């Protein structure tokens, strides 16, 4: 499986701020090998970074996008599915029963849900713990940035963090057109992934779309 190494930092070094890049992010590895698995074109650039400390797993997406499209009607989390967004899925194992999904747009809205194979979505579900998930986002001249922090305790309690390993999928929904109200025109999206799932039709909800995020060094108990 494709693997990204997550470096460890001292506690209280990183405060989320999508409007600038904290120098501490220079310590992180950068994953830039995102692609269009189902198209013969070069995908717009997506850069992913991750770090962790004693309490949190931190992530940052820097996204190049000439025209960031965000659908806002009632400002409900389901509107994220019709917007430019980045995504992280976490699975316990290849059974995908269950797995957990975070889809995040340029306004910092989070569509969090739990799923069971195959595509049995529960959108009423929320990431557990009021302080366990924090996401910040902002637009810039190049596109947009999404930064987030997830508590290690929540990842462990969900059975996702095991032996310093997170099995995760990293994706991007590249929005070409927003839905038009009071019409039958739906959002048009193209799909970008860190891992090529090697299937004919666009699908992230399968085991082959996941890779590994490996936390370096043993964590303190």
Protein backbone atom coordinates (compact mmCIF):
# COMPACT_ATOMS: atom_id res chain seq x y z
CA UNK A 1 0.00 0.00 0.00
CA UNK A 2 1.10 3.54 -0.69
CA UNK A 3 2.59 5.00 2.52
CA UNK A 4 3.06 8.52 3.86
CA UNK A 5 5.24 9.06 6.96
CA UNK A 6 3.76 11.40 9.57
CA UNK A 7 6.44 13.14 11.59
CA UNK A 8 6.07 13.83 15.29
CA UNK A 9 6.31 17.31 16.81
CA UNK A 10 6.32 18.59 20.37
CA UNK A 11 2.95 19.43 21.88
CA UNK A 12 1.42 22.91 21.56
CA UNK A 13 3.58 23.88 18.58
CA UNK A 14 0.83 23.99 15.98
CA UNK A 15 -2.23 26.22 15.99
CA UNK A 16 -4.57 25.90 13.02
CA UNK A 17 -4.49 28.91 10.71
CA UNK A 18 -5.35 28.34 7.07
CA UNK A 19 -4.50 31.95 6.13
CA UNK A 20 -0.76 31.36 6.62
CA UNK A 21 1.57 28.42 6.85
CA UNK A 22 3.09 27.83 10.26
CA UNK A 23 6.86 27.23 9.96
CA UNK A 24 6.37 23.94 11.81
CA UNK A 25 4.80 22.54 8.63
CA UNK A 26 8.28 22.65 7.08
CA UNK A 27 9.02 19.54 9.14
CA UNK A 28 6.27 17.59 7.37
CA UNK A 29 6.68 15.42 4.31
CA UNK A 30 4.73 16.65 1.31
CA UNK A 31 2.57 14.31 -0.76
CA UNK A 32 2.00 15.87 -4.16
CA UNK A 33 1.38 12.74 -6.22
CA UNK A 34 -2.37 13.22 -6.68
CA UNK A 35 -3.87 12.37 -10.04
CA UNK A 36 -7.01 11.95 -12.12
CA UNK A 37 -7.36 8.14 -11.99
CA UNK A 38 -10.14 8.17 -14.57
CA UNK A 39 -8.86 10.82 -16.96
CA UNK A 40 -5.96 11.18 -19.35
CA UNK A 41 -5.05 14.65 -18.09
CA UNK A 42 -2.74 16.08 -15.49
CA UNK A 43 -4.67 17.00 -12.37
CA UNK A 44 -4.36 20.47 -10.80
CA UNK A 45 -1.86 20.39 -7.99
CA UNK A 46 -2.81 19.16 -4.54
CA UNK A 47 -0.29 19.09 -1.68
CA UNK A 48 -0.94 17.14 1.52
CA UNK A 49 0.98 17.40 4.78
CA UNK A 50 0.49 15.73 8.15
CA UNK A 51 2.08 15.93 11.60
CA UNK A 52 1.18 14.66 15.05
CA UNK A 53 1.93 15.29 18.70
CA UNK A 54 0.84 13.69 21.98
CA UNK A 55 -2.79 14.64 21.48
CA UNK A 56 -3.61 15.37 17.84
CA UNK A 57 -3.14 14.25 14.26
CA UNK A 58 -2.80 17.38 12.10
CA UNK A 59 -3.33 17.64 8.36
CA UNK A 60 -3.13 20.35 5.72
CA UNK A 61 -4.22 20.43 2.08
CA UNK A 62 -2.91 23.16 -0.23
CA UNK A 63 -5.07 23.10 -3.34
CA UNK A 64 -4.48 24.86 -6.65
CA UNK A 65 -7.77 25.93 -8.19
CA UNK A 66 -8.34 28.82 -10.61
CA UNK A 67 -12.03 29.04 -9.71
CA UNK A 68 -13.02 27.79 -6.26
CA UNK A 69 -16.71 26.88 -6.34
CA UNK A 70 -18.68 26.57 -3.11
CA UNK A 71 -22.38 25.85 -3.03
CA UNK A 72 -24.23 27.77 -0.32
CA UNK A 73 -27.99 27.72 0.08
CA UNK A 74 -28.78 26.96 3.72
CA UNK A 75 -25.15 26.50 4.82
CA UNK A 76 -25.91 22.86 5.64
CA UNK A 77 -23.10 20.32 5.74
CA UNK A 78 -24.66 18.38 2.85
CA UNK A 79 -23.90 21.32 0.56
CA UNK A 80 -20.24 20.26 0.69
CA UNK A 81 -21.04 17.48 -1.82
CA UNK A 82 -21.79 20.11 -4.47
CA UNK A 83 -18.62 22.13 -3.81
CA UNK A 84 -14.88 22.07 -4.36
CA UNK A 85 -13.54 19.98 -1.50
CA UNK A 86 -10.84 17.74 -0.07
CA UNK A 87 -11.59 14.44 1.63
CA UNK A 88 -10.08 12.00 4.11
CA UNK A 89 -11.57 8.56 4.66
CA UNK A 90 -10.40 6.28 7.49
CA UNK A 91 -10.96 2.52 7.62
CA UNK A 92 -10.44 -0.12 10.28
CA UNK A 93 -9.77 -2.85 7.71
CA UNK A 94 -10.66 -3.90 4.19
CA UNK A 95 -14.15 -4.99 5.20
CA UNK A 96 -15.10 -1.28 5.36
CA UNK A 97 -17.65 -2.13 7.99
CA UNK A 98 -17.63 0.64 9.08
CA UNK A 99 -15.37 3.37 7.75
CA UNK A 100 -15.41 7.10 8.48
CA UNK A 101 -15.41 10.03 6.08
CA UNK A 102 -14.55 13.73 6.26
CA UNK A 103 -15.26 15.99 3.28
CA UNK A 104 -14.18 19.62 3.75
CA UNK A 105 -14.74 22.67 1.56
CA UNK A 106 -13.04 26.05 1.21
CA UNK A 107 -15.37 27.60 3.81
CA UNK A 108 -14.27 25.08 6.43
CA UNK A 109 -17.59 23.23 6.40
CA UNK A 110 -17.23 19.55 7.24
CA UNK A 111 -19.41 16.75 5.96
CA UNK A 112 -18.66 13.99 8.46
CA UNK A 113 -20.38 10.63 8.16
CA UNK A 114 -20.01 6.93 8.82
CA UNK A 115 -20.41 4.37 6.04
CA UNK A 116 -20.71 0.62 5.69
CA UNK A 117 -19.76 -1.26 2.57
CA UNK A 118 -21.23 -0.76 0.05
CA UNK A 119 -22.24 2.93 0.17
CA UNK A 120 -24.53 2.65 3.17
CA UNK A 121 -24.13 6.28 4.25
CA UNK A 122 -25.24 7.68 7.62
CA UNK A 123 -25.08 11.46 7.25
CA UNK A 124 -26.62 12.03 10.69
CA UNK A 125 -23.45 10.71 12.31
CA UNK A 126 -20.96 13.23 13.69
CA UNK A 127 -17.32 12.87 14.63
CA UNK A 128 -17.40 12.01 18.36
CA UNK A 129 -16.34 14.61 20.89
CA UNK A 130 -16.80 18.36 20.64
CA UNK A 131 -13.03 18.97 20.85
CA UNK A 132 -11.93 15.97 18.79
CA UNK A 133 -12.18 17.55 15.33
CA UNK A 134 -11.27 21.08 14.30
CA UNK A 135 -11.06 22.34 10.72
CA UNK A 136 -10.05 25.74 9.33
CA UNK A 137 -10.13 26.77 5.67
CA UNK A 138 -9.62 29.82 3.49
CA UNK A 139 -9.27 30.82 -0.13
CA UNK A 140 -6.16 32.45 -1.60
CA UNK A 141 -4.83 33.54 -4.99
CA UNK A 142 -3.75 30.01 -5.84
CA UNK A 143 -6.88 28.20 -4.66
CA UNK A 144 -7.67 27.22 -1.10
CA UNK A 145 -6.22 25.68 2.06
CA UNK A 146 -7.80 23.28 4.53
CA UNK A 147 -6.12 22.58 7.87
CA UNK A 148 -7.44 20.20 10.50
CA UNK A 149 -6.71 18.52 13.81
CA UNK A 150 -8.17 15.21 14.95
CA UNK A 151 -7.63 13.93 18.46
CA UNK A 152 -5.63 10.71 18.68
CA UNK A 153 -8.03 9.50 21.36
CA UNK A 154 -10.99 9.70 18.96
CA UNK A 155 -9.04 7.85 16.27
CA UNK A 156 -8.19 5.11 18.76
CA UNK A 157 -11.74 4.89 20.09
CA UNK A 158 -13.06 4.41 16.56
CA UNK A 159 -10.57 1.60 16.00
CA UNK A 160 -8.68 3.56 13.36
CA UNK A 161 -5.27 4.20 14.93
CA UNK A 162 -3.52 0.88 15.48
CA UNK A 163 0.21 0.41 16.02
CA UNK A 164 0.84 3.95 14.84
CA UNK A 165 -0.92 3.20 11.53
CA UNK A 166 -3.89 4.99 9.98
CA UNK A 167 -5.38 3.40 6.87
CA UNK A 168 -6.62 6.44 5.01
CA UNK A 169 -7.78 7.64 1.63
CA UNK A 170 -6.91 11.16 0.47
CA UNK A 171 -9.11 12.64 -2.23
CA UNK A 172 -10.34 15.79 -3.88
CA UNK A 173 -13.60 16.72 -5.53
CA UNK A 174 -12.74 19.23 -8.27
CA UNK A 175 -15.93 21.16 -8.97
CA UNK A 176 -16.45 22.40 -12.51
CA UNK A 177 -20.02 23.69 -12.13
CA UNK A 178 -22.29 24.42 -9.21
CA UNK A 179 -25.88 23.17 -9.23
CA UNK A 180 -28.42 25.69 -10.49
CA UNK A 181 -31.34 26.33 -8.17
CA UNK A 182 -34.83 25.52 -9.42
CA UNK A 183 -33.43 23.53 -12.33
CA UNK A 184 -32.32 19.98 -13.07
CA UNK A 185 -28.69 21.02 -13.48
CA UNK A 186 -26.54 19.29 -10.87
CA UNK A 187 -23.00 19.98 -9.75
CA UNK A 188 -20.30 18.72 -12.10
CA UNK A 189 -17.22 17.24 -10.43
CA UNK A 190 -14.00 15.54 -11.46
CA UNK A 191 -12.25 13.18 -9.09
CA UNK A 192 -8.66 13.36 -7.84
CA UNK A 193 -6.98 10.77 -5.62
CA UNK A 194 -3.68 10.09 -3.88
CA UNK A 195 -4.03 6.36 -4.57
CA UNK A 196 -5.22 5.02 -7.91
CA UNK A 197 -8.02 2.56 -7.04
CA UNK A 198 -7.55 0.76 -10.38
CA UNK A 199 -11.22 0.42 -11.23
CA UNK A 200 -13.01 1.50 -14.39
CA UNK A 201 -15.54 3.89 -12.86
CA UNK A 202 -14.89 6.67 -10.32
CA UNK A 203 -15.20 5.18 -6.85
CA UNK A 204 -13.43 6.05 -3.60
CA UNK A 205 -15.63 3.81 -1.45
CA UNK A 206 -13.59 0.67 -2.00
CA UNK A 207 -10.55 -0.76 -0.18
CA UNK A 208 -8.16 -0.21 -3.09
CA UNK A 209 -8.51 3.59 -2.83
CA UNK A 210 -6.80 3.69 0.60
CA UNK A 211 -3.16 4.08 1.57
CA UNK A 212 -1.28 4.20 4.87
CA UNK A 213 -0.40 7.15 7.09
CA UNK A 214 2.38 5.88 9.36
CA UNK A 215 3.10 7.86 12.51
CA UNK A 216 6.84 7.90 13.09
CA UNK A 217 8.20 6.98 16.55
CA UNK A 218 6.27 5.46 19.41
CA UNK A 219 3.64 7.69 20.95
CA UNK A 220 3.54 8.37 24.64
CA UNK A 221 0.74 6.64 26.47
